Amino acid sequence: MTTTCAHVAELGPEPVPTTPEGCQDCLADGGRWVHLRLCLGCGKVACCDSSPAKHASKHFAGEGHPIMRSFEPGETWRWCFVDNTVV
């Protein structure tokens, strides 16, 4: 189920992915990921919480960008870290 939150209204055009080939941080440090997320605030590609390093959550904690979307082929859902919901 998709809900709305105030953070969706703050989104601009979808940013260009920084590393379309995979998680930016895992690529840099030789890590691995399970699924990818795209930060809709800055375009950073990061790994999900099922991945060992959980870079998407760490990006939110460090940068405060509230919404990421799935960066998996065929998936379009978005997650708001602040409201803890699919938007």
N, C-alpha and C. Protein backbone atom coordinates (compact mmCIF):
# COMPACT_ATOMS: atom_id res chain seq x y z
N MET A 1 0.85 -1.17 0.00
CA MET A 1 0.00 0.00 0.00
C MET A 1 0.90 1.25 0.00
N THR A 2 0.57 2.18 -0.85
CA THR A 2 1.33 3.42 -0.95
C THR A 2 0.59 4.53 -0.23
N THR A 3 1.33 5.31 0.55
CA THR A 3 0.76 6.46 1.23
C THR A 3 1.46 7.71 0.72
N THR A 4 1.03 8.84 1.23
CA THR A 4 1.72 10.08 0.87
C THR A 4 2.34 10.67 2.12
N CYS A 5 3.32 11.51 1.90
CA CYS A 5 3.95 12.22 3.00
C CYS A 5 4.37 13.59 2.49
N ALA A 6 4.66 14.48 3.41
CA ALA A 6 5.04 15.85 3.03
C ALA A 6 6.33 15.89 2.24
N HIS A 7 7.18 14.89 2.40
CA HIS A 7 8.48 14.88 1.73
C HIS A 7 8.37 14.68 0.23
N VAL A 8 7.30 14.03 -0.23
CA VAL A 8 7.10 13.81 -1.67
C VAL A 8 6.97 15.15 -2.39
N ALA A 9 6.29 16.10 -1.77
CA ALA A 9 6.08 17.42 -2.38
C ALA A 9 7.40 18.18 -2.54
N GLU A 10 8.41 17.81 -1.77
CA GLU A 10 9.71 18.48 -1.82
C GLU A 10 10.62 17.94 -2.92
N LEU A 11 10.21 16.85 -3.56
CA LEU A 11 11.05 16.24 -4.59
C LEU A 11 11.07 17.08 -5.86
N GLY A 12 12.24 17.19 -6.45
CA GLY A 12 12.38 17.84 -7.75
C GLY A 12 12.41 16.76 -8.82
N PRO A 13 12.96 17.07 -9.98
CA PRO A 13 13.12 16.05 -11.02
C PRO A 13 14.02 14.93 -10.51
N GLU A 14 13.79 13.73 -11.00
CA GLU A 14 14.62 12.61 -10.55
C GLU A 14 16.07 12.85 -10.93
N PRO A 15 16.97 12.72 -9.96
CA PRO A 15 18.39 12.96 -10.25
C PRO A 15 19.02 11.84 -11.07
N VAL A 16 20.10 12.16 -11.71
CA VAL A 16 20.87 11.18 -12.47
C VAL A 16 21.61 10.28 -11.47
N PRO A 17 21.53 8.96 -11.62
CA PRO A 17 22.24 8.07 -10.71
C PRO A 17 23.75 8.29 -10.77
N THR A 18 24.39 8.36 -9.61
CA THR A 18 25.83 8.58 -9.55
C THR A 18 26.62 7.39 -10.07
N THR A 19 26.17 6.20 -9.74
CA THR A 19 26.84 4.97 -10.18
C THR A 19 25.79 3.96 -10.62
N PRO A 20 25.30 4.07 -11.86
CA PRO A 20 24.24 3.16 -12.31
C PRO A 20 24.65 1.69 -12.30
N GLU A 21 25.95 1.42 -12.20
CA GLU A 21 26.41 0.03 -12.20
C GLU A 21 26.32 -0.65 -10.83
N GLY A 22 26.02 0.11 -9.77
CA GLY A 22 25.88 -0.51 -8.46
C GLY A 22 26.01 0.48 -7.32
N CYS A 23 26.03 -0.05 -6.11
CA CYS A 23 26.13 0.77 -4.90
C CYS A 23 27.45 1.53 -4.92
N GLN A 24 27.37 2.84 -4.82
CA GLN A 24 28.55 3.70 -4.88
C GLN A 24 29.59 3.32 -3.82
N ASP A 25 29.15 3.12 -2.60
CA ASP A 25 30.08 2.81 -1.51
C ASP A 25 30.63 1.39 -1.61
N CYS A 26 29.79 0.43 -1.97
CA CYS A 26 30.27 -0.95 -2.13
C CYS A 26 31.28 -1.05 -3.27
N LEU A 27 31.02 -0.33 -4.36
CA LEU A 27 31.97 -0.33 -5.46
C LEU A 27 33.31 0.25 -5.01
N ALA A 28 33.28 1.27 -4.17
CA ALA A 28 34.50 1.92 -3.71
C ALA A 28 35.30 1.05 -2.73
N ASP A 29 34.58 0.28 -1.89
CA ASP A 29 35.30 -0.50 -0.87
C ASP A 29 35.31 -2.00 -1.12
N GLY A 30 34.83 -2.43 -2.28
CA GLY A 30 34.87 -3.85 -2.62
C GLY A 30 33.79 -4.67 -1.95
N GLY A 31 32.74 -4.00 -1.47
CA GLY A 31 31.64 -4.70 -0.80
C GLY A 31 30.66 -5.32 -1.80
N ARG A 32 29.62 -5.91 -1.27
CA ARG A 32 28.58 -6.51 -2.12
C ARG A 32 27.21 -6.03 -1.64
N TRP A 33 26.25 -6.12 -2.52
CA TRP A 33 24.90 -5.67 -2.19
C TRP A 33 23.88 -6.71 -2.61
N VAL A 34 22.68 -6.57 -2.04
CA VAL A 34 21.56 -7.45 -2.37
C VAL A 34 20.64 -6.72 -3.35
N HIS A 35 20.15 -5.55 -2.96
CA HIS A 35 19.29 -4.73 -3.80
C HIS A 35 19.78 -3.29 -3.74
N LEU A 36 19.42 -2.53 -4.76
CA LEU A 36 19.89 -1.14 -4.85
C LEU A 36 18.76 -0.15 -4.66
N ARG A 37 19.11 1.02 -4.14
CA ARG A 37 18.19 2.13 -3.94
C ARG A 37 18.80 3.39 -4.56
N LEU A 38 17.94 4.29 -5.04
CA LEU A 38 18.37 5.56 -5.61
C LEU A 38 17.86 6.69 -4.73
N CYS A 39 18.76 7.50 -4.21
CA CYS A 39 18.36 8.66 -3.41
C CYS A 39 17.73 9.68 -4.34
N LEU A 40 16.51 10.07 -4.05
CA LEU A 40 15.82 11.05 -4.88
C LEU A 40 16.19 12.48 -4.52
N GLY A 41 17.06 12.64 -3.54
CA GLY A 41 17.56 13.96 -3.19
C GLY A 41 18.82 14.32 -3.96
N CYS A 42 19.69 13.31 -4.19
CA CYS A 42 20.99 13.62 -4.79
C CYS A 42 21.44 12.66 -5.88
N GLY A 43 20.76 11.53 -6.03
CA GLY A 43 21.14 10.58 -7.08
C GLY A 43 22.12 9.50 -6.64
N LYS A 44 22.46 9.46 -5.36
CA LYS A 44 23.37 8.41 -4.89
C LYS A 44 22.70 7.05 -5.01
N VAL A 45 23.44 6.08 -5.53
CA VAL A 45 22.98 4.70 -5.58
C VAL A 45 23.58 3.99 -4.37
N ALA A 46 22.72 3.37 -3.57
CA ALA A 46 23.16 2.74 -2.32
C ALA A 46 22.46 1.40 -2.15
N CYS A 47 23.02 0.56 -1.29
CA CYS A 47 22.45 -0.78 -1.08
C CYS A 47 21.41 -0.77 0.04
N CYS A 48 20.52 -1.74 -0.03
CA CYS A 48 19.39 -1.84 0.89
C CYS A 48 19.80 -2.39 2.25
N ASP A 49 18.85 -2.46 3.16
CA ASP A 49 19.11 -2.97 4.51
C ASP A 49 19.30 -4.48 4.56
N SER A 50 19.00 -5.19 3.48
CA SER A 50 19.31 -6.62 3.41
C SER A 50 20.76 -6.85 3.02
N SER A 51 21.42 -5.81 2.57
CA SER A 51 22.83 -5.87 2.20
C SER A 51 23.70 -5.72 3.44
N PRO A 52 24.90 -6.29 3.44
CA PRO A 52 25.74 -6.23 4.64
C PRO A 52 26.02 -4.81 5.15
N ALA A 53 26.27 -3.85 4.27
CA ALA A 53 26.67 -2.51 4.72
C ALA A 53 25.51 -1.53 4.90
N LYS A 54 24.35 -1.82 4.35
CA LYS A 54 23.15 -0.97 4.53
C LYS A 54 23.42 0.50 4.20
N HIS A 55 24.05 0.74 3.05
CA HIS A 55 24.45 2.09 2.71
C HIS A 55 23.30 3.07 2.49
N ALA A 56 22.12 2.59 2.05
CA ALA A 56 20.99 3.50 1.86
C ALA A 56 20.57 4.11 3.20
N SER A 57 20.45 3.30 4.22
CA SER A 57 20.08 3.81 5.55
C SER A 57 21.17 4.72 6.11
N LYS A 58 22.42 4.36 5.87
CA LYS A 58 23.53 5.20 6.34
C LYS A 58 23.54 6.55 5.61
N HIS A 59 23.17 6.53 4.34
CA HIS A 59 23.10 7.79 3.59
C HIS A 59 22.01 8.69 4.17
N PHE A 60 20.85 8.12 4.46
CA PHE A 60 19.79 8.91 5.08
C PHE A 60 20.26 9.47 6.42
N ALA A 61 20.88 8.63 7.25
CA ALA A 61 21.33 9.08 8.57
C ALA A 61 22.36 10.20 8.46
N GLY A 62 23.21 10.13 7.47
CA GLY A 62 24.25 11.13 7.34
C GLY A 62 23.85 12.39 6.60
N GLU A 63 23.01 12.24 5.59
CA GLU A 63 22.65 13.37 4.72
C GLU A 63 21.25 13.90 4.98
N GLY A 64 20.37 13.06 5.51
CA GLY A 64 19.00 13.50 5.79
C GLY A 64 18.08 13.52 4.58
N HIS A 65 18.51 12.97 3.46
CA HIS A 65 17.63 12.91 2.29
C HIS A 65 16.55 11.86 2.56
N PRO A 66 15.29 12.27 2.61
CA PRO A 66 14.26 11.38 3.14
C PRO A 66 13.77 10.26 2.22
N ILE A 67 13.81 10.45 0.91
CA ILE A 67 13.15 9.47 0.03
C ILE A 67 14.13 8.82 -0.93
N MET A 68 14.04 7.49 -0.99
CA MET A 68 14.77 6.71 -1.97
C MET A 68 13.76 5.86 -2.71
N ARG A 69 14.11 5.51 -3.94
CA ARG A 69 13.27 4.58 -4.67
C ARG A 69 14.08 3.34 -4.99
N SER A 70 13.36 2.27 -5.28
CA SER A 70 14.05 1.06 -5.68
C SER A 70 14.82 1.36 -6.96
N PHE A 71 16.02 0.83 -7.07
CA PHE A 71 16.82 0.96 -8.27
C PHE A 71 16.98 -0.40 -8.93
N GLU A 72 15.98 -1.25 -8.70
CA GLU A 72 15.94 -2.58 -9.30
C GLU A 72 15.10 -2.53 -10.57
N PRO A 73 15.50 -3.26 -11.61
CA PRO A 73 14.74 -3.26 -12.86
C PRO A 73 13.27 -3.62 -12.63
N GLY A 74 12.37 -2.84 -13.20
CA GLY A 74 10.93 -3.10 -13.12
C GLY A 74 10.26 -2.65 -11.84
N GLU A 75 11.01 -2.13 -10.87
CA GLU A 75 10.42 -1.67 -9.61
C GLU A 75 10.40 -0.15 -9.58
N THR A 76 9.28 0.41 -9.10
CA THR A 76 9.14 1.87 -9.07
C THR A 76 8.77 2.42 -7.69
N TRP A 77 8.70 1.57 -6.68
CA TRP A 77 8.26 2.03 -5.36
C TRP A 77 9.31 2.94 -4.72
N ARG A 78 8.81 3.81 -3.85
CA ARG A 78 9.66 4.77 -3.13
C ARG A 78 9.45 4.59 -1.63
N TRP A 79 10.50 4.86 -0.85
CA TRP A 79 10.45 4.72 0.60
C TRP A 79 10.84 6.04 1.26
N CYS A 80 10.03 6.47 2.22
CA CYS A 80 10.36 7.65 3.01
C CYS A 80 10.92 7.18 4.34
N PHE A 81 12.20 7.48 4.59
CA PHE A 81 12.84 7.09 5.84
C PHE A 81 12.27 7.84 7.03
N VAL A 82 11.86 9.08 6.85
CA VAL A 82 11.33 9.88 7.96
C VAL A 82 9.99 9.31 8.43
N ASP A 83 9.09 9.06 7.47
CA ASP A 83 7.76 8.58 7.81
C ASP A 83 7.66 7.06 7.86
N ASN A 84 8.78 6.38 7.52
CA ASN A 84 8.83 4.92 7.60
C ASN A 84 7.69 4.26 6.82
N THR A 85 7.54 4.71 5.55
CA THR A 85 6.44 4.19 4.75
C THR A 85 6.76 4.24 3.25
N VAL A 86 6.07 3.40 2.50
CA VAL A 86 6.14 3.45 1.04
C VAL A 86 5.30 4.63 0.58
N VAL A 87 5.88 5.45 -0.31
CA VAL A 87 5.16 6.64 -0.80
C VAL A 87 5.12 6.67 -2.32
